[in-house]
Amino acid sequence: MWSLVAAVAMSCKELNTAEAAFAALDETAKLHWVSKVKAIPTEEGRAAELALYRRRPDEAEAILVQVRGHTGAYLAMLMRRLMPFRSQT
């Protein structure tokens, strides 16, 4: 049941619920990843990271391109993370 809760929570971008489900499943790597995503300072950054999780690099890129006033270092880091996904599509 917790697996289903985790899957639905991730698809709905409900990170607190996903975090609880991964903790109940003892999925420490996924729990750590969700914690890192929650720590991203902007909604756009979190949305882009979740798009990458869903293997949607074009969506992640579109989110980041629309960001205005975003710190250059953070944007560059996310764009570098996009590169491996771009070569798989």
N, C-alpha and C. Protein backbone atom coordinates (compact mmCIF):
# COMPACT_ATOMS: atom_id res chain seq x y z
N MET A 1 0.82 -1.19 0.00
CA MET A 1 0.00 0.00 0.00
C MET A 1 0.87 1.26 0.00
N TRP A 2 1.96 1.27 0.78
CA TRP A 2 2.82 2.45 0.83
C TRP A 2 3.44 2.74 -0.52
N SER A 3 3.69 1.71 -1.32
CA SER A 3 4.25 1.94 -2.66
C SER A 3 3.28 2.73 -3.51
N LEU A 4 2.00 2.39 -3.42
CA LEU A 4 0.99 3.12 -4.17
C LEU A 4 0.87 4.56 -3.68
N VAL A 5 0.91 4.73 -2.37
CA VAL A 5 0.85 6.08 -1.81
C VAL A 5 2.04 6.91 -2.31
N ALA A 6 3.23 6.31 -2.31
CA ALA A 6 4.42 7.02 -2.79
C ALA A 6 4.29 7.40 -4.26
N ALA A 7 3.81 6.47 -5.08
CA ALA A 7 3.68 6.74 -6.51
C ALA A 7 2.68 7.85 -6.78
N VAL A 8 1.54 7.79 -6.13
CA VAL A 8 0.52 8.82 -6.33
C VAL A 8 1.01 10.17 -5.81
N ALA A 9 1.66 10.16 -4.66
CA ALA A 9 2.18 11.41 -4.10
C ALA A 9 3.20 12.05 -5.04
N MET A 10 4.08 11.26 -5.61
CA MET A 10 5.07 11.81 -6.53
C MET A 10 4.41 12.36 -7.79
N SER A 11 3.40 11.66 -8.29
CA SER A 11 2.74 12.15 -9.51
C SER A 11 1.96 13.43 -9.25
N CYS A 12 1.50 13.61 -8.00
CA CYS A 12 0.76 14.82 -7.62
C CYS A 12 1.66 15.90 -7.02
N LYS A 13 2.96 15.64 -7.01
CA LYS A 13 3.94 16.59 -6.46
C LYS A 13 3.71 16.88 -4.98
N GLU A 14 3.20 15.89 -4.26
CA GLU A 14 2.97 16.00 -2.82
C GLU A 14 4.19 15.44 -2.09
N LEU A 15 5.20 16.28 -1.94
CA LEU A 15 6.48 15.81 -1.43
C LEU A 15 6.43 15.38 0.04
N ASN A 16 5.60 16.02 0.85
CA ASN A 16 5.50 15.61 2.25
C ASN A 16 4.92 14.21 2.36
N THR A 17 3.89 13.93 1.57
CA THR A 17 3.27 12.60 1.57
C THR A 17 4.24 11.57 1.01
N ALA A 18 4.93 11.91 -0.06
CA ALA A 18 5.91 10.99 -0.64
C ALA A 18 7.01 10.68 0.37
N GLU A 19 7.43 11.70 1.08
CA GLU A 19 8.48 11.51 2.08
C GLU A 19 8.03 10.53 3.17
N ALA A 20 6.79 10.67 3.63
CA ALA A 20 6.26 9.76 4.65
C ALA A 20 6.15 8.34 4.11
N ALA A 21 5.71 8.20 2.87
CA ALA A 21 5.57 6.88 2.27
C ALA A 21 6.93 6.21 2.09
N PHE A 22 7.91 6.95 1.61
CA PHE A 22 9.25 6.37 1.44
C PHE A 22 9.86 5.99 2.78
N ALA A 23 9.56 6.77 3.81
CA ALA A 23 10.06 6.43 5.15
C ALA A 23 9.42 5.13 5.63
N ALA A 24 8.12 4.97 5.40
CA ALA A 24 7.43 3.75 5.81
C ALA A 24 7.94 2.53 5.04
N LEU A 25 8.38 2.75 3.81
CA LEU A 25 8.92 1.67 2.98
C LEU A 25 10.40 1.41 3.26
N ASP A 26 11.02 2.24 4.09
CA ASP A 26 12.45 2.16 4.37
C ASP A 26 13.28 2.35 3.10
N GLU A 27 12.81 3.22 2.22
CA GLU A 27 13.50 3.57 0.97
C GLU A 27 14.38 4.79 1.26
N THR A 28 15.52 4.55 1.86
CA THR A 28 16.34 5.68 2.32
C THR A 28 16.86 6.54 1.18
N ALA A 29 17.23 5.95 0.06
CA ALA A 29 17.74 6.74 -1.07
C ALA A 29 16.66 7.68 -1.61
N LYS A 30 15.45 7.16 -1.76
CA LYS A 30 14.35 7.99 -2.27
C LYS A 30 13.95 9.03 -1.24
N LEU A 31 13.97 8.66 0.02
CA LEU A 31 13.67 9.59 1.09
C LEU A 31 14.67 10.75 1.09
N HIS A 32 15.94 10.42 0.94
CA HIS A 32 16.99 11.45 0.88
C HIS A 32 16.78 12.35 -0.34
N TRP A 33 16.43 11.75 -1.48
CA TRP A 33 16.21 12.54 -2.70
C TRP A 33 15.05 13.51 -2.51
N VAL A 34 13.94 13.03 -1.93
CA VAL A 34 12.79 13.90 -1.70
C VAL A 34 13.17 15.05 -0.77
N SER A 35 13.95 14.75 0.24
CA SER A 35 14.40 15.80 1.16
C SER A 35 15.23 16.85 0.42
N LYS A 36 16.08 16.41 -0.50
CA LYS A 36 16.88 17.35 -1.28
C LYS A 36 15.99 18.20 -2.18
N VAL A 37 14.98 17.58 -2.78
CA VAL A 37 14.07 18.34 -3.66
C VAL A 37 13.30 19.37 -2.83
N LYS A 38 12.84 18.98 -1.65
CA LYS A 38 12.12 19.92 -0.79
C LYS A 38 12.98 21.11 -0.39
N ALA A 39 14.29 20.91 -0.35
CA ALA A 39 15.20 21.99 0.04
C ALA A 39 15.50 22.96 -1.09
N ILE A 40 15.10 22.64 -2.31
CA ILE A 40 15.33 23.56 -3.44
C ILE A 40 14.53 24.84 -3.16
N PRO A 41 15.17 25.98 -3.26
CA PRO A 41 14.55 27.23 -2.78
C PRO A 41 13.41 27.79 -3.62
N THR A 42 13.21 27.31 -4.84
CA THR A 42 12.14 27.88 -5.66
C THR A 42 11.18 26.80 -6.13
N GLU A 43 9.94 27.20 -6.34
CA GLU A 43 8.92 26.28 -6.86
C GLU A 43 9.32 25.79 -8.26
N GLU A 44 9.88 26.69 -9.07
CA GLU A 44 10.30 26.30 -10.42
C GLU A 44 11.40 25.26 -10.37
N GLY A 45 12.35 25.44 -9.46
CA GLY A 45 13.43 24.47 -9.32
C GLY A 45 12.92 23.10 -8.91
N ARG A 46 11.99 23.10 -7.95
CA ARG A 46 11.39 21.82 -7.53
C ARG A 46 10.62 21.18 -8.67
N ALA A 47 9.86 21.98 -9.42
CA ALA A 47 9.09 21.45 -10.53
C ALA A 47 10.00 20.87 -11.61
N ALA A 48 11.11 21.53 -11.89
CA ALA A 48 12.06 21.03 -12.89
C ALA A 48 12.68 19.71 -12.42
N GLU A 49 13.03 19.64 -11.16
CA GLU A 49 13.62 18.41 -10.62
C GLU A 49 12.62 17.26 -10.69
N LEU A 50 11.36 17.53 -10.38
CA LEU A 50 10.33 16.49 -10.47
C LEU A 50 10.08 16.07 -11.91
N ALA A 51 10.19 17.01 -12.84
CA ALA A 51 10.05 16.65 -14.26
C ALA A 51 11.18 15.71 -14.68
N LEU A 52 12.38 15.95 -14.20
CA LEU A 52 13.49 15.04 -14.49
C LEU A 52 13.22 13.66 -13.88
N TYR A 53 12.66 13.63 -12.70
CA TYR A 53 12.31 12.36 -12.05
C TYR A 53 11.34 11.57 -12.91
N ARG A 54 10.40 12.28 -13.55
CA ARG A 54 9.41 11.63 -14.41
C ARG A 54 9.94 11.41 -15.83
N ARG A 55 11.25 11.64 -16.02
CA ARG A 55 11.91 11.47 -17.32
C ARG A 55 11.28 12.35 -18.40
N ARG A 56 11.09 13.60 -18.04
CA ARG A 56 10.55 14.60 -18.97
C ARG A 56 11.52 15.77 -19.06
N PRO A 57 12.67 15.55 -19.71
CA PRO A 57 13.67 16.62 -19.76
C PRO A 57 13.20 17.86 -20.51
N ASP A 58 12.37 17.69 -21.53
CA ASP A 58 11.88 18.86 -22.26
C ASP A 58 11.03 19.75 -21.36
N GLU A 59 10.21 19.11 -20.52
CA GLU A 59 9.39 19.86 -19.58
C GLU A 59 10.28 20.59 -18.56
N ALA A 60 11.29 19.89 -18.05
CA ALA A 60 12.22 20.50 -17.08
C ALA A 60 12.92 21.70 -17.71
N GLU A 61 13.36 21.54 -18.94
CA GLU A 61 14.05 22.63 -19.63
C GLU A 61 13.12 23.82 -19.82
N ALA A 62 11.87 23.55 -20.23
CA ALA A 62 10.91 24.63 -20.44
C ALA A 62 10.64 25.40 -19.15
N ILE A 63 10.55 24.68 -18.05
CA ILE A 63 10.34 25.33 -16.75
C ILE A 63 11.50 26.26 -16.44
N LEU A 64 12.72 25.77 -16.65
CA LEU A 64 13.90 26.56 -16.30
C LEU A 64 14.10 27.75 -17.23
N VAL A 65 13.74 27.59 -18.49
CA VAL A 65 13.89 28.69 -19.45
C VAL A 65 12.97 29.84 -19.08
N GLN A 66 11.80 29.52 -18.52
CA GLN A 66 10.83 30.56 -18.16
C GLN A 66 11.19 31.32 -16.89
N VAL A 67 12.13 30.77 -16.12
CA VAL A 67 12.47 31.37 -14.83
C VAL A 67 13.17 32.71 -15.05
N ARG A 68 12.68 33.72 -14.35
CA ARG A 68 13.30 35.03 -14.41
C ARG A 68 13.81 35.37 -13.01
N GLY A 69 14.97 35.99 -12.94
CA GLY A 69 15.52 36.38 -11.66
C GLY A 69 16.09 35.21 -10.88
N HIS A 70 16.32 34.11 -11.57
CA HIS A 70 16.85 32.91 -10.93
C HIS A 70 18.36 33.05 -10.81
N THR A 71 18.93 32.52 -9.75
CA THR A 71 20.38 32.61 -9.62
C THR A 71 21.04 31.80 -10.71
N GLY A 72 22.02 32.37 -11.33
CA GLY A 72 22.70 31.73 -12.45
C GLY A 72 23.35 30.41 -12.10
N ALA A 73 23.95 30.31 -10.93
CA ALA A 73 24.64 29.07 -10.55
C ALA A 73 23.66 27.92 -10.40
N TYR A 74 22.53 28.17 -9.78
CA TYR A 74 21.54 27.11 -9.59
C TYR A 74 20.94 26.67 -10.92
N LEU A 75 20.63 27.63 -11.77
CA LEU A 75 20.09 27.33 -13.08
C LEU A 75 21.10 26.52 -13.90
N ALA A 76 22.36 26.90 -13.86
CA ALA A 76 23.39 26.18 -14.60
C ALA A 76 23.53 24.75 -14.08
N MET A 77 23.44 24.55 -12.77
CA MET A 77 23.53 23.22 -12.20
C MET A 77 22.38 22.33 -12.70
N LEU A 78 21.18 22.87 -12.70
CA LEU A 78 20.05 22.07 -13.18
C LEU A 78 20.16 21.78 -14.67
N MET A 79 20.64 22.74 -15.44
CA MET A 79 20.78 22.51 -16.87
C MET A 79 21.82 21.43 -17.14
N ARG A 80 22.90 21.39 -16.35
CA ARG A 80 23.90 20.33 -16.51
C ARG A 80 23.28 18.98 -16.20
N ARG A 81 22.39 18.94 -15.23
CA ARG A 81 21.72 17.68 -14.90
C ARG A 81 20.80 17.24 -16.03
N LEU A 82 20.32 18.17 -16.82
CA LEU A 82 19.46 17.83 -17.96
C LEU A 82 20.22 17.11 -19.07
N MET A 83 21.48 17.41 -19.22
CA MET A 83 22.22 16.92 -20.38
C MET A 83 22.19 15.40 -20.53
N PRO A 84 22.40 14.58 -19.51
CA PRO A 84 22.32 13.13 -19.72
C PRO A 84 20.94 12.68 -20.18
N PHE A 85 19.88 13.34 -19.70
CA PHE A 85 18.53 12.97 -20.10
C PHE A 85 18.27 13.34 -21.56
N ARG A 86 18.84 14.44 -21.99
CA ARG A 86 18.63 14.89 -23.37
C ARG A 86 19.21 13.89 -24.35
N SER A 87 20.31 13.25 -24.01
CA SER A 87 20.93 12.30 -24.93
C SER A 87 20.18 10.99 -25.01
N GLN A 88 19.29 10.72 -24.03
CA GLN A 88 18.51 9.48 -24.01
C GLN A 88 17.22 9.61 -24.79
N THR A 89 16.79 10.82 -25.10
CA THR A 89 15.49 10.99 -25.77
C THR A 89 15.63 10.97 -27.26
